[in-house]
Amino acid sequence: MAVKTRREGRIIRHKRIRKKIFGTAERPRLSFYRSLNAIYAQIINDEEGKTLISASTIDKDYVAKYGKRGGKSIEDAKRLGEFLAEKALAAGIKTVVFDRGGFIYHGKVKAFADAAREKGLIF
């Protein structure tokens, strides 16, 4: 059966990726999601089913630091990558597995990942 929409195609890709990627306590999963209004990221321990760290462009801490709420541009993705990496390193998380959420590794996803790597996250 053919894929009907871009959204359904992304969901199918995400399911295929999630079969292979699993976050542990030593190496949690860095999950990325972009909606129409904001960008979200979480660091998740899949063994316990717990979110260790979360960040988004509508987070109070993010808005206080950057003075902009709900951005979805490539520049906002870079800022969010830096912001999440700082929070992760402060919590003692250095190595993660990157889950692009079914999105193509280009544009906002690539900008987010590159910024997080530059700040010190290893993946």
PDB file of N, CA and C in Angstrom:
ATOM      1  N   MET A   1       0.843  -1.175   0.000  1.00  0.00           N
ATOM      2  CA  MET A   1       0.000   0.000   0.000  1.00  0.00           C
ATOM      3  C   MET A   1       0.886   1.234   0.000  1.00  0.00           C
ATOM      4  N   ALA A   2       0.558   2.199  -0.802  1.00  0.00           N
ATOM      5  CA  ALA A   2       1.361   3.414  -0.925  1.00  0.00           C
ATOM      6  C   ALA A   2       1.129   4.333   0.267  1.00  0.00           C
ATOM      7  N   VAL A   3       2.143   5.115   0.590  1.00  0.00           N
ATOM      8  CA  VAL A   3       2.035   6.086   1.664  1.00  0.00           C
ATOM      9  C   VAL A   3       1.141   7.225   1.190  1.00  0.00           C
ATOM     10  N   LYS A   4       0.181   7.619   2.022  1.00  0.00           N
ATOM     11  CA  LYS A   4      -0.786   8.629   1.607  1.00  0.00           C
ATOM     12  C   LYS A   4      -0.294  10.050   1.855  1.00  0.00           C
ATOM     13  N   THR A   5       0.361  10.272   2.975  1.00  0.00           N
ATOM     14  CA  THR A   5       0.800  11.623   3.299  1.00  0.00           C
ATOM     15  C   THR A   5       2.243  11.611   3.780  1.00  0.00           C
ATOM     16  N   ARG A   6       2.830  12.791   3.821  1.00  0.00           N
ATOM     17  CA  ARG A   6       4.192  12.922   4.349  1.00  0.00           C
ATOM     18  C   ARG A   6       4.229  12.535   5.817  1.00  0.00           C
ATOM     19  N   ARG A   7       3.181  12.892   6.564  1.00  0.00           N
ATOM     20  CA  ARG A   7       3.119  12.588   7.990  1.00  0.00           C
ATOM     21  C   ARG A   7       3.110  11.075   8.216  1.00  0.00           C
ATOM     22  N   GLU A   8       2.295  10.360   7.447  1.00  0.00           N
ATOM     23  CA  GLU A   8       2.247   8.908   7.581  1.00  0.00           C
ATOM     24  C   GLU A   8       3.588   8.274   7.222  1.00  0.00           C
ATOM     25  N   GLY A   9       4.263   8.826   6.224  1.00  0.00           N
ATOM     26  CA  GLY A   9       5.586   8.329   5.861  1.00  0.00           C
ATOM     27  C   GLY A   9       6.581   8.525   6.976  1.00  0.00           C
ATOM     28  N   ARG A  10       6.516   9.681   7.654  1.00  0.00           N
ATOM     29  CA  ARG A  10       7.407   9.949   8.778  1.00  0.00           C
ATOM     30  C   ARG A  10       7.132   8.974   9.914  1.00  0.00           C
ATOM     31  N   ILE A  11       5.869   8.700  10.177  1.00  0.00           N
ATOM     32  CA  ILE A  11       5.515   7.774  11.252  1.00  0.00           C
ATOM     33  C   ILE A  11       6.026   6.368  10.942  1.00  0.00           C
ATOM     34  N   ILE A  12       5.916   5.936   9.704  1.00  0.00           N
ATOM     35  CA  ILE A  12       6.432   4.622   9.306  1.00  0.00           C
ATOM     36  C   ILE A  12       7.947   4.571   9.483  1.00  0.00           C
ATOM     37  N   ARG A  13       8.644   5.632   9.049  1.00  0.00           N
ATOM     38  CA  ARG A  13      10.106   5.684   9.222  1.00  0.00           C
ATOM     39  C   ARG A  13      10.471   5.660  10.695  1.00  0.00           C
ATOM     40  N   HIS A  14       9.704   6.398  11.521  1.00  0.00           N
ATOM     41  CA  HIS A  14      10.006   6.452  12.946  1.00  0.00           C
ATOM     42  C   HIS A  14       9.841   5.076  13.591  1.00  0.00           C
ATOM     43  N   LYS A  15       8.798   4.357  13.234  1.00  0.00           N
ATOM     44  CA  LYS A  15       8.610   3.007  13.774  1.00  0.00           C
ATOM     45  C   LYS A  15       9.768   2.089  13.384  1.00  0.00           C
ATOM     46  N   ARG A  16      10.216   2.198  12.148  1.00  0.00           N
ATOM     47  CA  ARG A  16      11.324   1.373  11.670  1.00  0.00           C
ATOM     48  C   ARG A  16      12.612   1.706  12.435  1.00  0.00           C
ATOM     49  N   ILE A  17      12.831   2.999  12.706  1.00  0.00           N
ATOM     50  CA  ILE A  17      14.014   3.429  13.459  1.00  0.00           C
ATOM     51  C   ILE A  17      13.938   2.948  14.902  1.00  0.00           C
ATOM     52  N   ARG A  18      12.744   3.046  15.512  1.00  0.00           N
ATOM     53  CA  ARG A  18      12.586   2.690  16.920  1.00  0.00           C
ATOM     54  C   ARG A  18      12.779   1.196  17.175  1.00  0.00           C
ATOM     55  N   LYS A  19      12.616   0.366  16.152  1.00  0.00           N
ATOM     56  CA  LYS A  19      12.887  -1.058  16.315  1.00  0.00           C
ATOM     57  C   LYS A  19      14.364  -1.302  16.587  1.00  0.00           C
ATOM     58  N   LYS A  20      15.213  -0.411  16.097  1.00  0.00           N
ATOM     59  CA  LYS A  20      16.663  -0.594  16.176  1.00  0.00           C
ATOM     60  C   LYS A  20      17.313   0.213  17.295  1.00  0.00           C
ATOM     61  N   ILE A  21      16.721   1.352  17.665  1.00  0.00           N
ATOM     62  CA  ILE A  21      17.335   2.248  18.647  1.00  0.00           C
ATOM     63  C   ILE A  21      16.694   2.031  20.013  1.00  0.00           C
ATOM     64  N   PHE A  22      17.535   1.877  21.043  1.00  0.00           N
ATOM     65  CA  PHE A  22      17.056   1.662  22.400  1.00  0.00           C
ATOM     66  C   PHE A  22      17.984   2.384  23.362  1.00  0.00           C
ATOM     67  N   GLY A  23      17.431   3.207  24.233  1.00  0.00           N
ATOM     68  CA  GLY A  23      18.236   3.949  25.193  1.00  0.00           C
ATOM     69  C   GLY A  23      18.404   3.189  26.489  1.00  0.00           C
ATOM     70  N   THR A  24      19.610   3.209  27.030  1.00  0.00           N
ATOM     71  CA  THR A  24      19.902   2.553  28.301  1.00  0.00           C
ATOM     72  C   THR A  24      20.309   3.614  29.319  1.00  0.00           C
ATOM     73  N   ALA A  25      20.601   3.170  30.535  1.00  0.00           N
ATOM     74  CA  ALA A  25      21.041   4.108  31.563  1.00  0.00           C
ATOM     75  C   ALA A  25      22.408   4.688  31.207  1.00  0.00           C
ATOM     76  N   GLU A  26      23.285   3.855  30.616  1.00  0.00           N
ATOM     77  CA  GLU A  26      24.619   4.324  30.252  1.00  0.00           C
ATOM     78  C   GLU A  26      24.590   5.191  28.996  1.00  0.00           C
ATOM     79  N   ARG A  27      23.675   4.865  28.077  1.00  0.00           N
ATOM     80  CA  ARG A  27      23.593   5.586  26.807  1.00  0.00           C
ATOM     81  C   ARG A  27      22.118   5.815  26.460  1.00  0.00           C
ATOM     82  N   PRO A  28      21.507   6.851  27.035  1.00  0.00           N
ATOM     83  CA  PRO A  28      20.085   7.095  26.790  1.00  0.00           C
ATOM     84  C   PRO A  28      19.816   7.590  25.368  1.00  0.00           C
ATOM     85  N   ARG A  29      18.547   7.568  24.989  1.00  0.00           N
ATOM     86  CA  ARG A  29      18.130   7.959  23.641  1.00  0.00           C
ATOM     87  C   ARG A  29      17.781   9.445  23.619  1.00  0.00           C
ATOM     88  N   LEU A  30      18.318  10.163  22.639  1.00  0.00           N
ATOM     89  CA  LEU A  30      17.999  11.572  22.420  1.00  0.00           C
ATOM     90  C   LEU A  30      16.945  11.631  21.326  1.00  0.00           C
ATOM     91  N   SER A  31      15.711  11.922  21.717  1.00  0.00           N
ATOM     92  CA  SER A  31      14.587  11.936  20.790  1.00  0.00           C
ATOM     93  C   SER A  31      14.313  13.361  20.324  1.00  0.00           C
ATOM     94  N   PHE A  32      14.114  13.527  19.014  1.00  0.00           N
ATOM     95  CA  PHE A  32      13.878  14.837  18.395  1.00  0.00           C
ATOM     96  C   PHE A  32      12.503  14.841  17.745  1.00  0.00           C
ATOM     97  N   TYR A  33      11.755  15.941  17.931  1.00  0.00           N
ATOM     98  CA  TYR A  33      10.453  16.090  17.283  1.00  0.00           C
ATOM     99  C   TYR A  33      10.235  17.556  16.941  1.00  0.00           C
ATOM    100  N   ARG A  34       9.716  17.803  15.751  1.00  0.00           N
ATOM    101  CA  ARG A  34       9.360  19.174  15.383  1.00  0.00           C
ATOM    102  C   ARG A  34       7.898  19.197  14.975  1.00  0.00           C
ATOM    103  N   SER A  35       7.167  20.113  15.581  1.00  0.00           N
ATOM    104  CA  SER A  35       5.765  20.297  15.230  1.00  0.00           C
ATOM    105  C   SER A  35       5.655  21.527  14.341  1.00  0.00           C
ATOM    106  N   LEU A  36       4.444  21.933  14.051  1.00  0.00           N
ATOM    107  CA  LEU A  36       4.256  23.125  13.231  1.00  0.00           C
ATOM    108  C   LEU A  36       4.631  24.396  13.987  1.00  0.00           C
ATOM    109  N   ASN A  37       4.610  24.349  15.325  1.00  0.00           N
ATOM    110  CA  ASN A  37       4.828  25.558  16.114  1.00  0.00           C
ATOM    111  C   ASN A  37       6.096  25.564  16.947  1.00  0.00           C
ATOM    112  N   ALA A  38       6.683  24.418  17.213  1.00  0.00           N
ATOM    113  CA  ALA A  38       7.834  24.366  18.119  1.00  0.00           C
ATOM    114  C   ALA A  38       8.697  23.147  17.806  1.00  0.00           C
ATOM    115  N   ILE A  39       9.840  23.085  18.482  1.00  0.00           N
ATOM    116  CA  ILE A  39      10.760  21.953  18.370  1.00  0.00           C
ATOM    117  C   ILE A  39      10.944  21.373  19.773  1.00  0.00           C
ATOM    118  N   TYR A  40      10.911  20.060  19.882  1.00  0.00           N
ATOM    119  CA  TYR A  40      11.008  19.383  21.163  1.00  0.00           C
ATOM    120  C   TYR A  40      12.137  18.357  21.126  1.00  0.00           C
ATOM    121  N   ALA A  41      12.781  18.139  22.277  1.00  0.00           N
ATOM    122  CA  ALA A  41      13.810  17.106  22.390  1.00  0.00           C
ATOM    123  C   ALA A  41      13.779  16.536  23.803  1.00  0.00           C
ATOM    124  N   GLN A  42      14.025  15.231  23.901  1.00  0.00           N
ATOM    125  CA  GLN A  42      14.052  14.563  25.194  1.00  0.00           C
ATOM    126  C   GLN A  42      15.211  13.576  25.231  1.00  0.00           C
ATOM    127  N   ILE A  43      15.748  13.395  26.419  1.00  0.00           N
ATOM    128  CA  ILE A  43      16.720  12.327  26.645  1.00  0.00           C
ATOM    129  C   ILE A  43      16.014  11.291  27.508  1.00  0.00           C
ATOM    130  N   ILE A  44      15.913  10.058  26.973  1.00  0.00           N
ATOM    131  CA  ILE A  44      15.044   9.044  27.553  1.00  0.00           C
ATOM    132  C   ILE A  44      15.833   7.780  27.876  1.00  0.00           C
ATOM    133  N   ASN A  45      15.570   7.218  29.066  1.00  0.00           N
ATOM    134  CA  ASN A  45      16.077   5.903  29.438  1.00  0.00           C
ATOM    135  C   ASN A  45      14.957   4.907  29.146  1.00  0.00           C
ATOM    136  N   ASP A  46      15.081   4.137  28.071  1.00  0.00           N
ATOM    137  CA  ASP A  46      14.025   3.216  27.657  1.00  0.00           C
ATOM    138  C   ASP A  46      13.923   1.988  28.557  1.00  0.00           C
ATOM    139  N   GLU A  47      14.979   1.642  29.271  1.00  0.00           N
ATOM    140  CA  GLU A  47      14.920   0.493  30.175  1.00  0.00           C
ATOM    141  C   GLU A  47      13.911   0.745  31.290  1.00  0.00           C
ATOM    142  N   GLU A  48      13.916   1.957  31.837  1.00  0.00           N
ATOM    143  CA  GLU A  48      13.005   2.312  32.914  1.00  0.00           C
ATOM    144  C   GLU A  48      11.765   3.039  32.404  1.00  0.00           C
ATOM    145  N   GLY A  49      11.794   3.469  31.154  1.00  0.00           N
ATOM    146  CA  GLY A  49      10.663   4.205  30.595  1.00  0.00           C
ATOM    147  C   GLY A  49      10.536   5.600  31.166  1.00  0.00           C
ATOM    148  N   LYS A  50      11.668   6.239  31.451  1.00  0.00           N
ATOM    149  CA  LYS A  50      11.649   7.562  32.074  1.00  0.00           C
ATOM    150  C   LYS A  50      12.355   8.586  31.207  1.00  0.00           C
ATOM    151  N   THR A  51      11.796   9.779  31.194  1.00  0.00           N
ATOM    152  CA  THR A  51      12.438  10.907  30.535  1.00  0.00           C
ATOM    153  C   THR A  51      13.397  11.536  31.532  1.00  0.00           C
ATOM    154  N   LEU A  52      14.668  11.588  31.180  1.00  0.00           N
ATOM    155  CA  LEU A  52      15.682  12.130  32.077  1.00  0.00           C
ATOM    156  C   LEU A  52      15.767  13.646  31.952  1.00  0.00           C
ATOM    157  N   ILE A  53      15.760  14.147  30.721  1.00  0.00           N
ATOM    158  CA  ILE A  53      15.869  15.585  30.458  1.00  0.00           C
ATOM    159  C   ILE A  53      14.965  15.912  29.280  1.00  0.00           C
ATOM    160  N   SER A  54      14.297  17.052  29.364  1.00  0.00           N
ATOM    161  CA  SER A  54      13.503  17.499  28.224  1.00  0.00           C
ATOM    162  C   SER A  54      13.761  18.975  27.984  1.00  0.00           C
ATOM    163  N   ALA A  55      13.593  19.373  26.735  1.00  0.00           N
ATOM    164  CA  ALA A  55      13.752  20.780  26.366  1.00  0.00           C
ATOM    165  C   ALA A  55      12.911  21.039  25.126  1.00  0.00           C
ATOM    166  N   SER A  56      12.435  22.250  25.016  1.00  0.00           N
ATOM    167  CA  SER A  56      11.683  22.641  23.826  1.00  0.00           C
ATOM    168  C   SER A  56      11.806  24.144  23.655  1.00  0.00           C
ATOM    169  N   THR A  57      11.376  24.615  22.502  1.00  0.00           N
ATOM    170  CA  THR A  57      11.442  26.057  22.250  1.00  0.00           C
ATOM    171  C   THR A  57      10.312  26.798  22.952  1.00  0.00           C
ATOM    172  N   ILE A  58       9.450  26.083  23.686  1.00  0.00           N
ATOM    173  CA  ILE A  58       8.420  26.746  24.483  1.00  0.00           C
ATOM    174  C   ILE A  58       8.655  26.546  25.981  1.00  0.00           C
ATOM    175  N   ASP A  59       9.799  25.967  26.337  1.00  0.00           N
ATOM    176  CA  ASP A  59      10.206  25.787  27.733  1.00  0.00           C
ATOM    177  C   ASP A  59      10.416  27.141  28.408  1.00  0.00           C
ATOM    178  N   LYS A  60      10.071  27.247  29.680  1.00  0.00           N
ATOM    179  CA  LYS A  60      10.273  28.505  30.408  1.00  0.00           C
ATOM    180  C   LYS A  60      11.754  28.874  30.481  1.00  0.00           C
ATOM    181  N   ASP A  61      12.606  27.887  30.750  1.00  0.00           N
ATOM    182  CA  ASP A  61      14.042  28.156  30.850  1.00  0.00           C
ATOM    183  C   ASP A  61      14.618  28.601  29.511  1.00  0.00           C
ATOM    184  N   TYR A  62      14.176  27.966  28.430  1.00  0.00           N
ATOM    185  CA  TYR A  62      14.644  28.330  27.085  1.00  0.00           C
ATOM    186  C   TYR A  62      14.215  29.755  26.744  1.00  0.00           C
ATOM    187  N   VAL A  63      12.960  30.085  27.036  1.00  0.00           N
ATOM    188  CA  VAL A  63      12.445  31.429  26.737  1.00  0.00           C
ATOM    189  C   VAL A  63      13.178  32.469  27.569  1.00  0.00           C
ATOM    190  N   ALA A  64      13.462  32.152  28.839  1.00  0.00           N
ATOM    191  CA  ALA A  64      14.184  33.095  29.694  1.00  0.00           C
ATOM    192  C   ALA A  64      15.603  33.334  29.181  1.00  0.00           C
ATOM    193  N   LYS A  65      16.234  32.298  28.644  1.00  0.00           N
ATOM    194  CA  LYS A  65      17.609  32.429  28.172  1.00  0.00           C
ATOM    195  C   LYS A  65      17.702  33.143  26.830  1.00  0.00           C
ATOM    196  N   TYR A  66      16.804  32.799  25.899  1.00  0.00           N
ATOM    197  CA  TYR A  66      16.907  33.328  24.538  1.00  0.00           C
ATOM    198  C   TYR A  66      15.878  34.412  24.213  1.00  0.00           C
ATOM    199  N   GLY A  67      14.885  34.609  25.061  1.00  0.00           N
ATOM    200  CA  GLY A  67      13.926  35.688  24.867  1.00  0.00           C
ATOM    201  C   GLY A  67      12.953  35.484  23.725  1.00  0.00           C
ATOM    202  N   LYS A  68      12.809  34.257  23.247  1.00  0.00           N
ATOM    203  CA  LYS A  68      11.900  33.975  22.145  1.00  0.00           C
ATOM    204  C   LYS A  68      11.161  32.686  22.451  1.00  0.00           C
ATOM    205  N   ARG A  69       9.853  32.700  22.267  1.00  0.00           N
ATOM    206  CA  ARG A  69       9.044  31.521  22.576  1.00  0.00           C
ATOM    207  C   ARG A  69       8.540  30.864  21.295  1.00  0.00           C
ATOM    208  N   GLY A  70       8.701  29.543  21.206  1.00  0.00           N
ATOM    209  CA  GLY A  70       8.066  28.767  20.164  1.00  0.00           C
ATOM    210  C   GLY A  70       8.668  28.864  18.784  1.00  0.00           C
ATOM    211  N   GLY A  71       9.950  29.135  18.686  1.00  0.00           N
ATOM    212  CA  GLY A  71      10.563  29.216  17.367  1.00  0.00           C
ATOM    213  C   GLY A  71      10.675  27.863  16.698  1.00  0.00           C
ATOM    214  N   LYS A  72      10.699  27.871  15.381  1.00  0.00           N
ATOM    215  CA  LYS A  72      10.816  26.617  14.642  1.00  0.00           C
ATOM    216  C   LYS A  72      11.791  26.718  13.479  1.00  0.00           C
ATOM    217  N   SER A  73      12.641  27.735  13.492  1.00  0.00           N
ATOM    218  CA  SER A  73      13.602  27.934  12.411  1.00  0.00           C
ATOM    219  C   SER A  73      14.853  27.079  12.643  1.00  0.00           C
ATOM    220  N   ILE A  74      15.745  27.089  11.668  1.00  0.00           N
ATOM    221  CA  ILE A  74      17.007  26.362  11.801  1.00  0.00           C
ATOM    222  C   ILE A  74      17.837  26.963  12.933  1.00  0.00           C
ATOM    223  N   GLU A  75      17.808  28.271  13.067  1.00  0.00           N
ATOM    224  CA  GLU A  75      18.539  28.936  14.153  1.00  0.00           C
ATOM    225  C   GLU A  75      17.990  28.506  15.515  1.00  0.00           C
ATOM    226  N   ASP A  76      16.675  28.382  15.624  1.00  0.00           N
ATOM    227  CA  ASP A  76      16.071  27.908  16.871  1.00  0.00           C
ATOM    228  C   ASP A  76      16.474  26.462  17.164  1.00  0.00           C
ATOM    229  N   ALA A  77      16.598  25.649  16.133  1.00  0.00           N
ATOM    230  CA  ALA A  77      17.037  24.260  16.312  1.00  0.00           C
ATOM    231  C   ALA A  77      18.468  24.219  16.841  1.00  0.00           C
ATOM    232  N   LYS A  78      19.336  25.102  16.330  1.00  0.00           N
ATOM    233  CA  LYS A  78      20.716  25.174  16.836  1.00  0.00           C
ATOM    234  C   LYS A  78      20.727  25.556  18.311  1.00  0.00           C
ATOM    235  N   ARG A  79      19.945  26.584  18.652  1.00  0.00           N
ATOM    236  CA  ARG A  79      19.893  27.028  20.051  1.00  0.00           C
ATOM    237  C   ARG A  79      19.384  25.917  20.963  1.00  0.00           C
ATOM    238  N   LEU A  80      18.360  25.204  20.506  1.00  0.00           N
ATOM    239  CA  LEU A  80      17.808  24.127  21.325  1.00  0.00           C
ATOM    240  C   LEU A  80      18.829  23.003  21.511  1.00  0.00           C
ATOM    241  N   GLY A  81      19.596  22.697  20.475  1.00  0.00           N
ATOM    242  CA  GLY A  81      20.644  21.684  20.594  1.00  0.00           C
ATOM    243  C   GLY A  81      21.685  22.067  21.629  1.00  0.00           C
ATOM    244  N   GLU A  82      22.100  23.331  21.605  1.00  0.00           N
ATOM    245  CA  GLU A  82      23.058  23.818  22.598  1.00  0.00           C
ATOM    246  C   GLU A  82      22.458  23.775  23.997  1.00  0.00           C
ATOM    247  N   PHE A  83      21.202  24.216  24.120  1.00  0.00           N
ATOM    248  CA  PHE A  83      20.511  24.274  25.405  1.00  0.00           C
ATOM    249  C   PHE A  83      20.368  22.879  26.016  1.00  0.00           C
ATOM    250  N   LEU A  84      19.948  21.909  25.199  1.00  0.00           N
ATOM    251  CA  LEU A  84      19.774  20.545  25.694  1.00  0.00           C
ATOM    252  C   LEU A  84      21.113  19.916  26.069  1.00  0.00           C
ATOM    253  N   ALA A  85      22.142  20.168  25.276  1.00  0.00           N
ATOM    254  CA  ALA A  85      23.465  19.612  25.575  1.00  0.00           C
ATOM    255  C   ALA A  85      23.992  20.152  26.903  1.00  0.00           C
ATOM    256  N   GLU A  86      23.785  21.435  27.160  1.00  0.00           N
ATOM    257  CA  GLU A  86      24.214  22.016  28.436  1.00  0.00           C
ATOM    258  C   GLU A  86      23.488  21.355  29.601  1.00  0.00           C
ATOM    259  N   LYS A  87      22.170  21.146  29.465  1.00  0.00           N
ATOM    260  CA  LYS A  87      21.399  20.487  30.523  1.00  0.00           C
ATOM    261  C   LYS A  87      21.864  19.045  30.726  1.00  0.00           C
ATOM    262  N   ALA A  88      22.160  18.348  29.632  1.00  0.00           N
ATOM    263  CA  ALA A  88      22.588  16.950  29.726  1.00  0.00           C
ATOM    264  C   ALA A  88      23.948  16.837  30.402  1.00  0.00           C
ATOM    265  N   LEU A  89      24.878  17.682  30.010  1.00  0.00           N
ATOM    266  CA  LEU A  89      26.213  17.636  30.612  1.00  0.00           C
ATOM    267  C   LEU A  89      26.155  18.006  32.087  1.00  0.00           C
ATOM    268  N   ALA A  90      25.280  18.934  32.454  1.00  0.00           N
ATOM    269  CA  ALA A  90      25.118  19.297  33.860  1.00  0.00           C
ATOM    270  C   ALA A  90      24.550  18.125  34.663  1.00  0.00           C
ATOM    271  N   ALA A  91      23.742  17.282  34.019  1.00  0.00           N
ATOM    272  CA  ALA A  91      23.165  16.114  34.687  1.00  0.00           C
ATOM    273  C   ALA A  91      24.086  14.895  34.626  1.00  0.00           C
ATOM    274  N   GLY A  92      25.236  15.025  33.970  1.00  0.00           N
ATOM    275  CA  GLY A  92      26.199  13.935  33.907  1.00  0.00           C
ATOM    276  C   GLY A  92      26.003  12.986  32.735  1.00  0.00           C
ATOM    277  N   ILE A  93      25.221  13.385  31.755  1.00  0.00           N
ATOM    278  CA  ILE A  93      25.001  12.556  30.565  1.00  0.00           C
ATOM    279  C   ILE A  93      25.914  13.067  29.465  1.00  0.00           C
ATOM    280  N   LYS A  94      26.805  12.200  28.987  1.00  0.00           N
ATOM    281  CA  LYS A  94      27.760  12.613  27.956  1.00  0.00           C
ATOM    282  C   LYS A  94      27.531  11.895  26.633  1.00  0.00           C
ATOM    283  N   THR A  95      27.065  10.649  26.680  1.00  0.00           N
ATOM    284  CA  THR A  95      26.886   9.843  25.475  1.00  0.00           C
ATOM    285  C   THR A  95      25.416   9.483  25.312  1.00  0.00           C
ATOM    286  N   VAL A  96      24.891   9.664  24.105  1.00  0.00           N
ATOM    287  CA  VAL A  96      23.496   9.350  23.814  1.00  0.00           C
ATOM    288  C   VAL A  96      23.390   8.633  22.466  1.00  0.00           C
ATOM    289  N   VAL A  97      22.206   8.080  22.205  1.00  0.00           N
ATOM    290  CA  VAL A  97      21.857   7.520  20.900  1.00  0.00           C
ATOM    291  C   VAL A  97      20.859   8.487  20.284  1.00  0.00           C
ATOM    292  N   PHE A  98      21.103   8.942  19.055  1.00  0.00           N
ATOM    293  CA  PHE A  98      20.252   9.956  18.432  1.00  0.00           C
ATOM    294  C   PHE A  98      19.090   9.308  17.690  1.00  0.00           C
ATOM    295  N   ASP A  99      17.883   9.742  18.029  1.00  0.00           N
ATOM    296  CA  ASP A  99      16.654   9.289  17.372  1.00  0.00           C
ATOM    297  C   ASP A  99      16.062  10.490  16.646  1.00  0.00           C
ATOM    298  N   ARG A 100      16.165  10.498  15.325  1.00  0.00           N
ATOM    299  CA  ARG A 100      15.719  11.649  14.545  1.00  0.00           C
ATOM    300  C   ARG A 100      14.216  11.691  14.364  1.00  0.00           C
ATOM    301  N   GLY A 101      13.506  10.719  14.894  1.00  0.00           N
ATOM    302  CA  GLY A 101      12.055  10.740  14.893  1.00  0.00           C
ATOM    303  C   GLY A 101      11.411  10.558  13.532  1.00  0.00           C
ATOM    304  N   GLY A 102      12.110   9.930  12.607  1.00  0.00           N
ATOM    305  CA  GLY A 102      11.558   9.724  11.281  1.00  0.00           C
ATOM    306  C   GLY A 102      11.771  10.885  10.337  1.00  0.00           C
ATOM    307  N   PHE A 103      12.318  11.976  10.851  1.00  0.00           N
ATOM    308  CA  PHE A 103      12.597  13.130  10.001  1.00  0.00           C
ATOM    309  C   PHE A 103      13.898  12.897   9.241  1.00  0.00           C
ATOM    310  N   ILE A 104      13.984  13.434   8.046  1.00  0.00           N
ATOM    311  CA  ILE A 104      15.185  13.310   7.237  1.00  0.00           C
ATOM    312  C   ILE A 104      16.311  14.093   7.908  1.00  0.00           C
ATOM    313  N   TYR A 105      17.522  13.533   7.936  1.00  0.00           N
ATOM    314  CA  TYR A 105      18.658  14.182   8.584  1.00  0.00           C
ATOM    315  C   TYR A 105      19.156  15.318   7.702  1.00  0.00           C
ATOM    316  N   HIS A 106      18.460  16.440   7.783  1.00  0.00           N
ATOM    317  CA  HIS A 106      18.757  17.613   6.964  1.00  0.00           C
ATOM    318  C   HIS A 106      18.070  18.809   7.607  1.00  0.00           C
ATOM    319  N   GLY A 107      18.590  19.983   7.397  1.00  0.00           N
ATOM    320  CA  GLY A 107      17.931  21.193   7.883  1.00  0.00           C
ATOM    321  C   GLY A 107      17.931  21.299   9.393  1.00  0.00           C
ATOM    322  N   LYS A 108      16.729  21.349   9.979  1.00  0.00           N
ATOM    323  CA  LYS A 108      16.588  21.553  11.420  1.00  0.00           C
ATOM    324  C   LYS A 108      17.149  20.391  12.227  1.00  0.00           C
ATOM    325  N   VAL A 109      16.951  19.178  11.749  1.00  0.00           N
ATOM    326  CA  VAL A 109      17.458  18.003  12.466  1.00  0.00           C
ATOM    327  C   VAL A 109      18.983  18.026  12.492  1.00  0.00           C
ATOM    328  N   LYS A 110      19.587  18.313  11.364  1.00  0.00           N
ATOM    329  CA  LYS A 110      21.049  18.371  11.268  1.00  0.00           C
ATOM    330  C   LYS A 110      21.604  19.516  12.107  1.00  0.00           C
ATOM    331  N   ALA A 111      20.954  20.688  12.067  1.00  0.00           N
ATOM    332  CA  ALA A 111      21.399  21.838  12.852  1.00  0.00           C
ATOM    333  C   ALA A 111      21.338  21.528  14.346  1.00  0.00           C
ATOM    334  N   PHE A 112      20.260  20.873  14.786  1.00  0.00           N
ATOM    335  CA  PHE A 112      20.105  20.486  16.184  1.00  0.00           C
ATOM    336  C   PHE A 112      21.217  19.526  16.601  1.00  0.00           C
ATOM    337  N   ALA A 113      21.438  18.485  15.801  1.00  0.00           N
ATOM    338  CA  ALA A 113      22.442  17.469  16.131  1.00  0.00           C
ATOM    339  C   ALA A 113      23.850  18.057  16.147  1.00  0.00           C
ATOM    340  N   ASP A 114      24.176  18.877  15.160  1.00  0.00           N
ATOM    341  CA  ASP A 114      25.512  19.479  15.102  1.00  0.00           C
ATOM    342  C   ASP A 114      25.766  20.395  16.293  1.00  0.00           C
ATOM    343  N   ALA A 115      24.764  21.177  16.693  1.00  0.00           N
ATOM    344  CA  ALA A 115      24.920  22.080  17.836  1.00  0.00           C
ATOM    345  C   ALA A 115      25.109  21.292  19.129  1.00  0.00           C
ATOM    346  N   ALA A 116      24.370  20.200  19.288  1.00  0.00           N
ATOM    347  CA  ALA A 116      24.516  19.373  20.490  1.00  0.00           C
ATOM    348  C   ALA A 116      25.903  18.731  20.537  1.00  0.00           C
ATOM    349  N   ARG A 117      26.406  18.299  19.384  1.00  0.00           N
ATOM    350  CA  ARG A 117      27.754  17.715  19.329  1.00  0.00           C
ATOM    351  C   ARG A 117      28.815  18.754  19.655  1.00  0.00           C
ATOM    352  N   GLU A 118      28.653  19.965  19.137  1.00  0.00           N
ATOM    353  CA  GLU A 118      29.636  21.023  19.400  1.00  0.00           C
ATOM    354  C   GLU A 118      29.712  21.367  20.878  1.00  0.00           C
ATOM    355  N   LYS A 119      28.586  21.258  21.583  1.00  0.00           N
ATOM    356  CA  LYS A 119      28.573  21.559  23.017  1.00  0.00           C
ATOM    357  C   LYS A 119      29.098  20.411  23.875  1.00  0.00           C
ATOM    358  N   GLY A 120      29.338  19.228  23.261  1.00  0.00           N
ATOM    359  CA  GLY A 120      29.981  18.163  24.019  1.00  0.00           C
ATOM    360  C   GLY A 120      29.242  16.846  24.103  1.00  0.00           C
ATOM    361  N   LEU A 121      28.023  16.747  23.599  1.00  0.00           N
ATOM    362  CA  LEU A 121      27.337  15.456  23.599  1.00  0.00           C
ATOM    363  C   LEU A 121      27.978  14.544  22.557  1.00  0.00           C
ATOM    364  N   ILE A 122      28.113  13.286  22.887  1.00  0.00           N
ATOM    365  CA  ILE A 122      28.743  12.327  21.982  1.00  0.00           C
ATOM    366  C   ILE A 122      27.664  11.397  21.434  1.00  0.00           C
ATOM    367  N   PHE A 123      27.525  11.391  20.112  1.00  0.00           N
ATOM    368  CA  PHE A 123      26.643  10.447  19.412  1.00  0.00           C
ATOM    369  C   PHE A 123      26.978  10.423  17.951  1.00  0.00           C
TER     370      PHE A 123
END
